[in-house]
């Protein structure tokens, strides 16, 4: 009767453990799930510049814990059309923040100024009406060299800066909404009373309150010495 071959020795390596809750893998997944829903409206006019702004914006979103593949990227033919597309994204109900990217370079006429004013004011109006924050990453420059310097050059990347700003603004809006929803919630660092310090350092907060009640500052605290205000002393 043939003997069976011996079994190979069992591996002494410990089994692969699941990543703990606090590990980098788990943390990355949680951040990606909790990252704000972001839309980026990018002008394809001067695309050699705006493409670098887009890369900076996506990189900043990833550094904040988001997944660049989850970002809604919408192409605009030019800077002027950014406003309509940003408005549609903000009103969709599916986007929490918008980043506008474009590049307006000065020419021989004042067209660049008219365009920049129209785009900026349009984006401001969208934020006011919808409450959705918009990061302004539309360059308004005098030359191509200035644009390149601000699209990943020695002046930084304005696409990344706009994304960082809009995420910070959104976090602030969420804090305000959470505080408004609970009467017992207080802002971190907020005082129970509003303090209005005097820049010159002459008045205390108590003195300011007394002045507001119509009693005026204490003797010698109005900067005129101990003889009162106008007309109180010799000229």
Foldseek 3Di string as FASTA:
>chain_A
DDDDDDDDDDDPDDDDDDDDCPDPVNQLVVLQVVQFAEEEEFACVPVVLQVLLVVLLLVLSVVSSHDSVRYHYHYDPALQCSLVVVLCQLPVVRGQAYEYAEEQEDDPDCVSVVSVVNNVVSQVVSCVVRVRYYFYHYHYYHDPVVSNCQSPRVVDDSSNVSNVVNSVVSVVVVVVVVCVVDVPDDDVPDDPDDADDDPVNLDHSVQVVCVVVVPHGDAQSPPPGRQDDPPSDDD
